[in-house]
Amino acid sequence: MGWKTVVIGTECTVSLTLNRMKITIGNEYQNIPLCDLDTVIFSHDRITMTIPMLSKLVENNINVIICDSKNDPIGIFNRLTIILWYLSN
C-alpha cells in the first residue's frame, strides 16, 4: 500500500516504465515506484499521459485526480471493483 501523494503542476510527460511512473520535464526525468503511490494529482492543463500509465494507476488502486486550469478538482479515476464484483456473481 502506497503512502505518497504526488502533485504534478507543470508541463510534462507521464509514462509507464518498469512498473514506475516516469515524469519527464524537458531532458530531465524522475521515476517513482507505483507501490509507493497513494494519490496522483494532475493540476496542469499541458500534461501528456499515456493510457498504459493511467490504466496501471487505476489497476493498483492509486487515486487519480484531474484538475482544471484553476487547479480545482474536476475528475477522479478509480477502479470499478463494485461493478466488476456484481457482474461476476
N, C-alpha and C. Protein backbone atom coordinates (compact mmCIF):
# COMPACT_ATOMS: atom_id res chain seq x y z
N MET A 1 0.84 -1.18 0.00
CA MET A 1 0.00 0.00 0.00
C MET A 1 0.88 1.24 0.00
N GLY A 2 0.59 2.14 -0.92
CA GLY A 2 1.39 3.34 -1.06
C GLY A 2 1.06 4.39 -0.02
N TRP A 3 1.90 5.39 0.07
CA TRP A 3 1.71 6.43 1.07
C TRP A 3 2.00 7.83 0.54
N LYS A 4 2.54 7.93 -0.67
CA LYS A 4 2.91 9.22 -1.23
C LYS A 4 1.76 9.84 -2.01
N THR A 5 1.63 11.15 -1.87
CA THR A 5 0.74 11.93 -2.73
C THR A 5 1.63 12.78 -3.61
N VAL A 6 1.47 12.63 -4.93
CA VAL A 6 2.29 13.37 -5.89
C VAL A 6 1.40 14.38 -6.60
N VAL A 7 1.81 15.64 -6.58
CA VAL A 7 1.09 16.70 -7.29
C VAL A 7 1.96 17.12 -8.46
N ILE A 8 1.41 16.98 -9.67
CA ILE A 8 2.13 17.36 -10.88
C ILE A 8 1.53 18.66 -11.37
N GLY A 9 2.29 19.75 -11.23
CA GLY A 9 1.77 21.07 -11.54
C GLY A 9 2.54 21.80 -12.61
N THR A 10 3.23 21.08 -13.47
CA THR A 10 3.99 21.71 -14.54
C THR A 10 3.83 20.90 -15.82
N GLU A 11 4.12 21.52 -16.94
CA GLU A 11 4.03 20.82 -18.23
C GLU A 11 5.05 19.69 -18.26
N CYS A 12 4.57 18.47 -18.55
CA CYS A 12 5.45 17.31 -18.56
C CYS A 12 4.79 16.16 -19.30
N THR A 13 5.53 15.07 -19.41
CA THR A 13 5.02 13.82 -19.96
C THR A 13 5.11 12.77 -18.86
N VAL A 14 4.01 12.04 -18.68
CA VAL A 14 3.96 10.99 -17.66
C VAL A 14 3.74 9.67 -18.38
N SER A 15 4.64 8.71 -18.14
CA SER A 15 4.54 7.42 -18.82
C SER A 15 4.90 6.29 -17.85
N LEU A 16 4.67 5.07 -18.30
CA LEU A 16 4.96 3.88 -17.50
C LEU A 16 6.28 3.27 -17.96
N THR A 17 7.19 3.05 -17.00
CA THR A 17 8.47 2.43 -17.29
C THR A 17 8.81 1.46 -16.16
N LEU A 18 8.84 0.17 -16.45
CA LEU A 18 9.22 -0.86 -15.48
C LEU A 18 8.44 -0.74 -14.17
N ASN A 19 7.12 -0.63 -14.28
CA ASN A 19 6.21 -0.53 -13.13
C ASN A 19 6.51 0.71 -12.26
N ARG A 20 6.99 1.74 -12.92
CA ARG A 20 7.25 3.02 -12.27
C ARG A 20 6.61 4.13 -13.08
N MET A 21 6.20 5.20 -12.40
CA MET A 21 5.68 6.37 -13.08
C MET A 21 6.88 7.25 -13.44
N LYS A 22 7.07 7.47 -14.73
CA LYS A 22 8.19 8.29 -15.21
C LYS A 22 7.65 9.66 -15.58
N ILE A 23 8.14 10.69 -14.90
CA ILE A 23 7.75 12.07 -15.17
C ILE A 23 8.91 12.74 -15.89
N THR A 24 8.67 13.17 -17.13
CA THR A 24 9.72 13.78 -17.95
C THR A 24 9.42 15.26 -18.16
N ILE A 25 10.37 16.11 -17.76
CA ILE A 25 10.27 17.55 -17.98
C ILE A 25 11.52 17.96 -18.75
N GLY A 26 11.33 18.27 -20.02
CA GLY A 26 12.47 18.59 -20.86
C GLY A 26 13.37 17.38 -21.02
N ASN A 27 14.65 17.53 -20.65
CA ASN A 27 15.61 16.42 -20.74
C ASN A 27 15.77 15.67 -19.42
N GLU A 28 15.09 16.12 -18.37
CA GLU A 28 15.22 15.50 -17.06
C GLU A 28 14.00 14.63 -16.77
N TYR A 29 14.20 13.60 -15.96
CA TYR A 29 13.07 12.75 -15.59
C TYR A 29 13.21 12.25 -14.17
N GLN A 30 12.08 11.85 -13.61
CA GLN A 30 12.01 11.30 -12.26
C GLN A 30 11.18 10.02 -12.33
N ASN A 31 11.64 8.94 -11.72
CA ASN A 31 10.90 7.69 -11.65
C ASN A 31 10.39 7.49 -10.23
N ILE A 32 9.11 7.14 -10.11
CA ILE A 32 8.52 6.87 -8.80
C ILE A 32 7.88 5.49 -8.85
N PRO A 33 8.28 4.56 -7.98
CA PRO A 33 7.67 3.23 -7.98
C PRO A 33 6.17 3.32 -7.68
N LEU A 34 5.37 2.57 -8.43
CA LEU A 34 3.92 2.60 -8.24
C LEU A 34 3.53 2.13 -6.85
N CYS A 35 4.30 1.21 -6.26
CA CYS A 35 3.97 0.69 -4.93
C CYS A 35 4.09 1.77 -3.85
N ASP A 36 4.77 2.88 -4.13
CA ASP A 36 4.90 3.98 -3.16
C ASP A 36 3.74 4.97 -3.24
N LEU A 37 2.92 4.89 -4.28
CA LEU A 37 1.91 5.91 -4.54
C LEU A 37 0.56 5.59 -3.92
N ASP A 38 -0.06 6.62 -3.35
CA ASP A 38 -1.44 6.54 -2.90
C ASP A 38 -2.33 7.41 -3.77
N THR A 39 -1.87 8.62 -4.10
CA THR A 39 -2.66 9.57 -4.88
C THR A 39 -1.75 10.34 -5.83
N VAL A 40 -2.25 10.55 -7.06
CA VAL A 40 -1.56 11.41 -8.03
C VAL A 40 -2.55 12.49 -8.44
N ILE A 41 -2.15 13.75 -8.30
CA ILE A 41 -2.99 14.89 -8.66
C ILE A 41 -2.36 15.57 -9.87
N PHE A 42 -3.10 15.64 -10.96
CA PHE A 42 -2.65 16.31 -12.18
C PHE A 42 -3.28 17.69 -12.20
N SER A 43 -2.48 18.73 -11.93
CA SER A 43 -3.03 20.08 -11.80
C SER A 43 -2.43 21.05 -12.82
N HIS A 44 -2.19 20.57 -14.01
CA HIS A 44 -1.72 21.43 -15.10
C HIS A 44 -2.41 20.97 -16.37
N ASP A 45 -2.79 21.91 -17.21
CA ASP A 45 -3.56 21.54 -18.41
C ASP A 45 -2.68 21.17 -19.61
N ARG A 46 -1.38 21.09 -19.43
CA ARG A 46 -0.48 20.67 -20.50
C ARG A 46 0.34 19.44 -20.11
N ILE A 47 -0.31 18.49 -19.46
CA ILE A 47 0.34 17.23 -19.10
C ILE A 47 -0.05 16.19 -20.14
N THR A 48 0.93 15.48 -20.65
CA THR A 48 0.69 14.38 -21.57
C THR A 48 0.89 13.08 -20.80
N MET A 49 -0.15 12.23 -20.81
CA MET A 49 -0.08 10.98 -20.07
C MET A 49 -0.47 9.84 -21.00
N THR A 50 0.23 8.72 -20.88
CA THR A 50 -0.08 7.56 -21.71
C THR A 50 -1.22 6.75 -21.08
N ILE A 51 -1.99 6.07 -21.93
CA ILE A 51 -3.08 5.22 -21.45
C ILE A 51 -2.55 4.06 -20.61
N PRO A 52 -1.45 3.39 -20.99
CA PRO A 52 -0.92 2.35 -20.11
C PRO A 52 -0.60 2.87 -18.70
N MET A 53 -0.13 4.11 -18.60
CA MET A 53 0.16 4.69 -17.28
C MET A 53 -1.13 4.88 -16.50
N LEU A 54 -2.13 5.46 -17.12
CA LEU A 54 -3.42 5.67 -16.45
C LEU A 54 -4.04 4.34 -16.04
N SER A 55 -3.98 3.36 -16.91
CA SER A 55 -4.54 2.03 -16.60
C SER A 55 -3.83 1.39 -15.42
N LYS A 56 -2.51 1.50 -15.37
CA LYS A 56 -1.74 0.88 -14.30
C LYS A 56 -2.01 1.58 -12.96
N LEU A 57 -2.17 2.90 -12.99
CA LEU A 57 -2.52 3.62 -11.77
C LEU A 57 -3.85 3.12 -11.21
N VAL A 58 -4.85 2.99 -12.08
CA VAL A 58 -6.17 2.54 -11.65
C VAL A 58 -6.13 1.08 -11.20
N GLU A 59 -5.41 0.22 -11.92
CA GLU A 59 -5.28 -1.20 -11.54
C GLU A 59 -4.67 -1.36 -10.15
N ASN A 60 -3.77 -0.46 -9.78
CA ASN A 60 -3.10 -0.53 -8.49
C ASN A 60 -3.83 0.27 -7.40
N ASN A 61 -5.08 0.63 -7.69
CA ASN A 61 -5.92 1.36 -6.72
C ASN A 61 -5.27 2.66 -6.25
N ILE A 62 -4.60 3.33 -7.15
CA ILE A 62 -4.00 4.63 -6.85
C ILE A 62 -5.00 5.69 -7.26
N ASN A 63 -5.32 6.61 -6.35
CA ASN A 63 -6.27 7.67 -6.65
C ASN A 63 -5.68 8.61 -7.69
N VAL A 64 -6.46 8.90 -8.72
CA VAL A 64 -6.03 9.81 -9.77
C VAL A 64 -7.02 10.97 -9.82
N ILE A 65 -6.54 12.18 -9.57
CA ILE A 65 -7.40 13.36 -9.55
C ILE A 65 -6.93 14.30 -10.65
N ILE A 66 -7.89 14.76 -11.46
CA ILE A 66 -7.61 15.69 -12.55
C ILE A 66 -8.16 17.06 -12.16
N CYS A 67 -7.35 18.11 -12.33
CA CYS A 67 -7.78 19.47 -12.01
C CYS A 67 -7.91 20.30 -13.28
N ASP A 68 -8.72 21.36 -13.20
CA ASP A 68 -8.88 22.27 -14.34
C ASP A 68 -7.79 23.35 -14.30
N SER A 69 -7.91 24.34 -15.17
CA SER A 69 -6.87 25.38 -15.26
C SER A 69 -6.82 26.27 -14.02
N LYS A 70 -7.85 26.22 -13.17
CA LYS A 70 -7.85 26.98 -11.92
C LYS A 70 -7.42 26.12 -10.72
N ASN A 71 -6.93 24.91 -11.02
CA ASN A 71 -6.48 23.94 -10.01
C ASN A 71 -7.61 23.42 -9.14
N ASP A 72 -8.85 23.50 -9.63
CA ASP A 72 -9.98 22.90 -8.93
C ASP A 72 -10.16 21.47 -9.43
N PRO A 73 -10.36 20.51 -8.53
CA PRO A 73 -10.56 19.12 -8.97
C PRO A 73 -11.84 18.98 -9.78
N ILE A 74 -11.75 18.31 -10.92
CA ILE A 74 -12.94 18.13 -11.77
C ILE A 74 -13.21 16.67 -12.10
N GLY A 75 -12.27 15.78 -11.80
CA GLY A 75 -12.50 14.38 -12.12
C GLY A 75 -11.62 13.45 -11.29
N ILE A 76 -12.16 12.24 -11.06
CA ILE A 76 -11.43 11.22 -10.33
C ILE A 76 -11.53 9.92 -11.11
N PHE A 77 -10.40 9.24 -11.27
CA PHE A 77 -10.37 7.91 -11.86
C PHE A 77 -10.17 6.92 -10.72
N ASN A 78 -11.02 5.90 -10.66
CA ASN A 78 -10.82 4.84 -9.69
C ASN A 78 -11.35 3.53 -10.24
N ARG A 79 -10.97 2.46 -9.60
CA ARG A 79 -11.28 1.12 -10.07
C ARG A 79 -12.76 0.79 -9.88
N LEU A 80 -13.34 0.05 -10.81
CA LEU A 80 -14.74 -0.32 -10.76
C LEU A 80 -14.93 -1.67 -10.07
N THR A 81 -14.45 -1.81 -8.87
CA THR A 81 -14.50 -3.10 -8.19
C THR A 81 -15.93 -3.52 -7.85
N ILE A 82 -16.77 -2.58 -7.49
CA ILE A 82 -18.15 -2.93 -7.13
C ILE A 82 -18.89 -3.45 -8.36
N ILE A 83 -18.75 -2.79 -9.48
CA ILE A 83 -19.43 -3.22 -10.70
C ILE A 83 -18.86 -4.56 -11.17
N LEU A 84 -17.55 -4.72 -11.12
CA LEU A 84 -16.94 -5.99 -11.55
C LEU A 84 -17.38 -7.13 -10.65
N TRP A 85 -17.51 -6.88 -9.33
CA TRP A 85 -17.98 -7.92 -8.41
C TRP A 85 -19.42 -8.28 -8.74
N TYR A 86 -20.25 -7.28 -9.04
CA TYR A 86 -21.65 -7.52 -9.36
C TYR A 86 -21.79 -8.35 -10.64
N LEU A 87 -21.00 -8.02 -11.65
CA LEU A 87 -21.08 -8.73 -12.92
C LEU A 87 -20.58 -10.17 -12.83
N SER A 88 -19.66 -10.42 -11.89
CA SER A 88 -19.12 -11.77 -11.78
C SER A 88 -20.04 -12.72 -11.01
N ASN A 89 -21.01 -12.18 -10.28
CA ASN A 89 -21.95 -13.02 -9.50
C ASN A 89 -23.25 -13.26 -10.22
